[in-house]
Amino acid sequence: MISPVAKNDEKWYNDSAWGIKCFDRSSMDWTEHISSNADICHGKPCIRGTRVMVSVILDNLADNVDEEMILANYPSLKQEDIRAAIGYAAELARERFVSFKTG
């Protein structure tokens, strides 16, 4: 499985809407790993340099497929790509506008 963020990388923030302290694991820059191009997979977000859609990675994780199996089934992926897919999903769940680097 994906290893947790090391303690020295931990970031906490206060969620003013809920008045609670939250742990932010999104310190990785997922935009370095994910891109969207209208000519590749109909513009669906993919791992950069591949045709592996982010949704495929997330579907596998949701189906309890472990990281090692995902990496074995998609040899072009790296562990960081899986983390980036999770970071992307977290960004969408925050209901923010998500922009991509082109190319």
C-alpha atoms as a PDB file:
ATOM      1  CA  MET A   1       0.000   0.000   0.000  1.00  0.00           C
ATOM      2  CA  ILE A   2       0.974   3.636  -0.247  1.00  0.00           C
ATOM      3  CA  SER A   3       3.235   4.584   2.597  1.00  0.00           C
ATOM      4  CA  PRO A   4       2.139   7.457   4.835  1.00  0.00           C
ATOM      5  CA  VAL A   5       3.721  10.867   4.628  1.00  0.00           C
ATOM      6  CA  ALA A   6       6.753  11.156   6.902  1.00  0.00           C
ATOM      7  CA  LYS A   7       6.226  13.125  10.101  1.00  0.00           C
ATOM      8  CA  ASN A   8       8.516  15.951   9.003  1.00  0.00           C
ATOM      9  CA  ASP A   9       6.324  16.436   5.896  1.00  0.00           C
ATOM     10  CA  GLU A  10       3.088  16.664   7.841  1.00  0.00           C
ATOM     11  CA  LYS A  11       1.020  19.781   7.439  1.00  0.00           C
ATOM     12  CA  TRP A  12      -1.948  20.761   9.539  1.00  0.00           C
ATOM     13  CA  TYR A  13      -4.478  23.392   8.672  1.00  0.00           C
ATOM     14  CA  ASN A  14      -7.595  24.754  10.312  1.00  0.00           C
ATOM     15  CA  ASP A  15     -10.827  24.144   8.450  1.00  0.00           C
ATOM     16  CA  SER A  16     -12.746  27.312   9.194  1.00  0.00           C
ATOM     17  CA  ALA A  17     -16.003  25.893   7.850  1.00  0.00           C
ATOM     18  CA  TRP A  18     -15.984  23.048  10.388  1.00  0.00           C
ATOM     19  CA  GLY A  19     -13.806  24.603  13.069  1.00  0.00           C
ATOM     20  CA  ILE A  20     -11.493  21.603  13.192  1.00  0.00           C
ATOM     21  CA  LYS A  21      -7.813  20.966  12.648  1.00  0.00           C
ATOM     22  CA  CYS A  22      -7.185  18.848   9.528  1.00  0.00           C
ATOM     23  CA  PHE A  23      -4.220  16.906   8.244  1.00  0.00           C
ATOM     24  CA  ASP A  24      -3.187  17.882   4.719  1.00  0.00           C
ATOM     25  CA  ARG A  25      -1.421  15.142   2.769  1.00  0.00           C
ATOM     26  CA  SER A  26      -1.666  16.997  -0.516  1.00  0.00           C
ATOM     27  CA  SER A  27       1.834  18.448  -0.313  1.00  0.00           C
ATOM     28  CA  MET A  28       2.814  16.551  -3.481  1.00  0.00           C
ATOM     29  CA  ASP A  29       2.435  18.540  -6.690  1.00  0.00           C
ATOM     30  CA  TRP A  30       0.109  16.216  -8.570  1.00  0.00           C
ATOM     31  CA  THR A  31       0.108  18.573 -11.555  1.00  0.00           C
ATOM     32  CA  GLU A  32       3.601  17.324 -12.392  1.00  0.00           C
ATOM     33  CA  HIS A  33       2.154  13.830 -12.910  1.00  0.00           C
ATOM     34  CA  ILE A  34      -1.295  14.452 -14.399  1.00  0.00           C
ATOM     35  CA  SER A  35      -2.291  16.165 -17.600  1.00  0.00           C
ATOM     36  CA  SER A  36      -5.320  16.536 -19.809  1.00  0.00           C
ATOM     37  CA  ASN A  37      -5.079  16.686 -23.583  1.00  0.00           C
ATOM     38  CA  ALA A  38      -8.079  16.658 -25.916  1.00  0.00           C
ATOM     39  CA  ASP A  39      -6.183  14.325 -28.274  1.00  0.00           C
ATOM     40  CA  ILE A  40      -5.480  11.699 -25.582  1.00  0.00           C
ATOM     41  CA  CYS A  41      -8.290   9.652 -24.004  1.00  0.00           C
ATOM     42  CA  HIS A  42     -10.880  12.254 -25.071  1.00  0.00           C
ATOM     43  CA  GLY A  43      -9.345  14.831 -22.726  1.00  0.00           C
ATOM     44  CA  LYS A  44      -9.780  12.753 -19.580  1.00  0.00           C
ATOM     45  CA  PRO A  45      -7.088  13.359 -16.937  1.00  0.00           C
ATOM     46  CA  CYS A  46      -4.231  10.892 -17.481  1.00  0.00           C
ATOM     47  CA  ILE A  47      -0.870  10.203 -15.950  1.00  0.00           C
ATOM     48  CA  ARG A  48       1.543  12.375 -17.923  1.00  0.00           C
ATOM     49  CA  GLY A  49       3.255  10.514 -20.767  1.00  0.00           C
ATOM     50  CA  THR A  50       0.798   7.597 -20.623  1.00  0.00           C
ATOM     51  CA  ARG A  51      -2.748   6.799 -21.610  1.00  0.00           C
ATOM     52  CA  VAL A  52      -3.587   5.598 -18.109  1.00  0.00           C
ATOM     53  CA  MET A  53      -6.550   7.627 -16.940  1.00  0.00           C
ATOM     54  CA  VAL A  54      -6.639   8.846 -13.358  1.00  0.00           C
ATOM     55  CA  SER A  55     -10.100   7.311 -13.045  1.00  0.00           C
ATOM     56  CA  VAL A  56      -8.640   3.855 -13.783  1.00  0.00           C
ATOM     57  CA  ILE A  57      -6.202   4.198 -10.897  1.00  0.00           C
ATOM     58  CA  LEU A  58      -8.923   5.455  -8.561  1.00  0.00           C
ATOM     59  CA  ASP A  59     -11.313   2.693  -9.640  1.00  0.00           C
ATOM     60  CA  ASN A  60      -8.646   0.100  -8.856  1.00  0.00           C
ATOM     61  CA  LEU A  61      -8.009   1.614  -5.430  1.00  0.00           C
ATOM     62  CA  ALA A  62     -11.750   1.754  -4.748  1.00  0.00           C
ATOM     63  CA  ASP A  63     -11.948  -1.941  -5.640  1.00  0.00           C
ATOM     64  CA  ASN A  64      -9.262  -2.630  -3.009  1.00  0.00           C
ATOM     65  CA  VAL A  65      -6.555  -3.445  -5.560  1.00  0.00           C
ATOM     66  CA  ASP A  66      -3.248  -2.869  -3.795  1.00  0.00           C
ATOM     67  CA  GLU A  67      -0.548  -0.600  -5.135  1.00  0.00           C
ATOM     68  CA  GLU A  68       1.778  -3.428  -6.133  1.00  0.00           C
ATOM     69  CA  MET A  69      -0.915  -4.995  -8.326  1.00  0.00           C
ATOM     70  CA  ILE A  70      -1.723  -1.653  -9.977  1.00  0.00           C
ATOM     71  CA  LEU A  71       1.962  -1.100 -10.727  1.00  0.00           C
ATOM     72  CA  ALA A  72       2.256  -4.664 -12.103  1.00  0.00           C
ATOM     73  CA  ASN A  73      -0.808  -4.197 -14.331  1.00  0.00           C
ATOM     74  CA  TYR A  74       0.329  -0.783 -15.568  1.00  0.00           C
ATOM     75  CA  PRO A  75       4.137  -0.963 -15.853  1.00  0.00           C
ATOM     76  CA  SER A  76       4.403   2.615 -17.095  1.00  0.00           C
ATOM     77  CA  LEU A  77       3.185   3.859 -13.694  1.00  0.00           C
ATOM     78  CA  LYS A  78       5.294   4.745 -10.677  1.00  0.00           C
ATOM     79  CA  GLN A  79       4.272   4.924  -7.025  1.00  0.00           C
ATOM     80  CA  GLU A  80       4.272   8.732  -7.286  1.00  0.00           C
ATOM     81  CA  ASP A  81       1.680   8.517 -10.073  1.00  0.00           C
ATOM     82  CA  ILE A  82      -0.703   6.670  -7.766  1.00  0.00           C
ATOM     83  CA  ARG A  83      -0.181   9.301  -5.074  1.00  0.00           C
ATOM     84  CA  ALA A  84      -0.777  12.008  -7.659  1.00  0.00           C
ATOM     85  CA  ALA A  85      -4.091  10.382  -8.651  1.00  0.00           C
ATOM     86  CA  ILE A  86      -5.184  10.394  -5.014  1.00  0.00           C
ATOM     87  CA  GLY A  87      -4.046  14.008  -4.636  1.00  0.00           C
ATOM     88  CA  TYR A  88      -6.024  14.966  -7.722  1.00  0.00           C
ATOM     89  CA  ALA A  89      -9.137  13.271  -6.347  1.00  0.00           C
ATOM     90  CA  ALA A  90      -8.667  15.050  -3.023  1.00  0.00           C
ATOM     91  CA  GLU A  91      -8.407  18.373  -4.834  1.00  0.00           C
ATOM     92  CA  LEU A  92     -11.675  17.674  -6.655  1.00  0.00           C
ATOM     93  CA  ALA A  93     -13.350  16.663  -3.399  1.00  0.00           C
ATOM     94  CA  ARG A  94     -12.476  20.092  -1.966  1.00  0.00           C
ATOM     95  CA  GLU A  95     -14.748  21.555  -4.681  1.00  0.00           C
ATOM     96  CA  ARG A  96     -12.116  23.840  -6.061  1.00  0.00           C
ATOM     97  CA  PHE A  97     -11.482  24.725  -9.669  1.00  0.00           C
ATOM     98  CA  VAL A  98      -8.835  22.339 -11.001  1.00  0.00           C
ATOM     99  CA  SER A  99      -6.562  23.543 -13.771  1.00  0.00           C
ATOM    100  CA  PHE A 100      -3.967  21.597 -15.727  1.00  0.00           C
ATOM    101  CA  LYS A 101      -0.664  22.384 -17.311  1.00  0.00           C
ATOM    102  CA  THR A 102      -1.029  21.916 -21.041  1.00  0.00           C
ATOM    103  CA  GLY A 103       0.964  19.361 -22.969  1.00  0.00           C
END
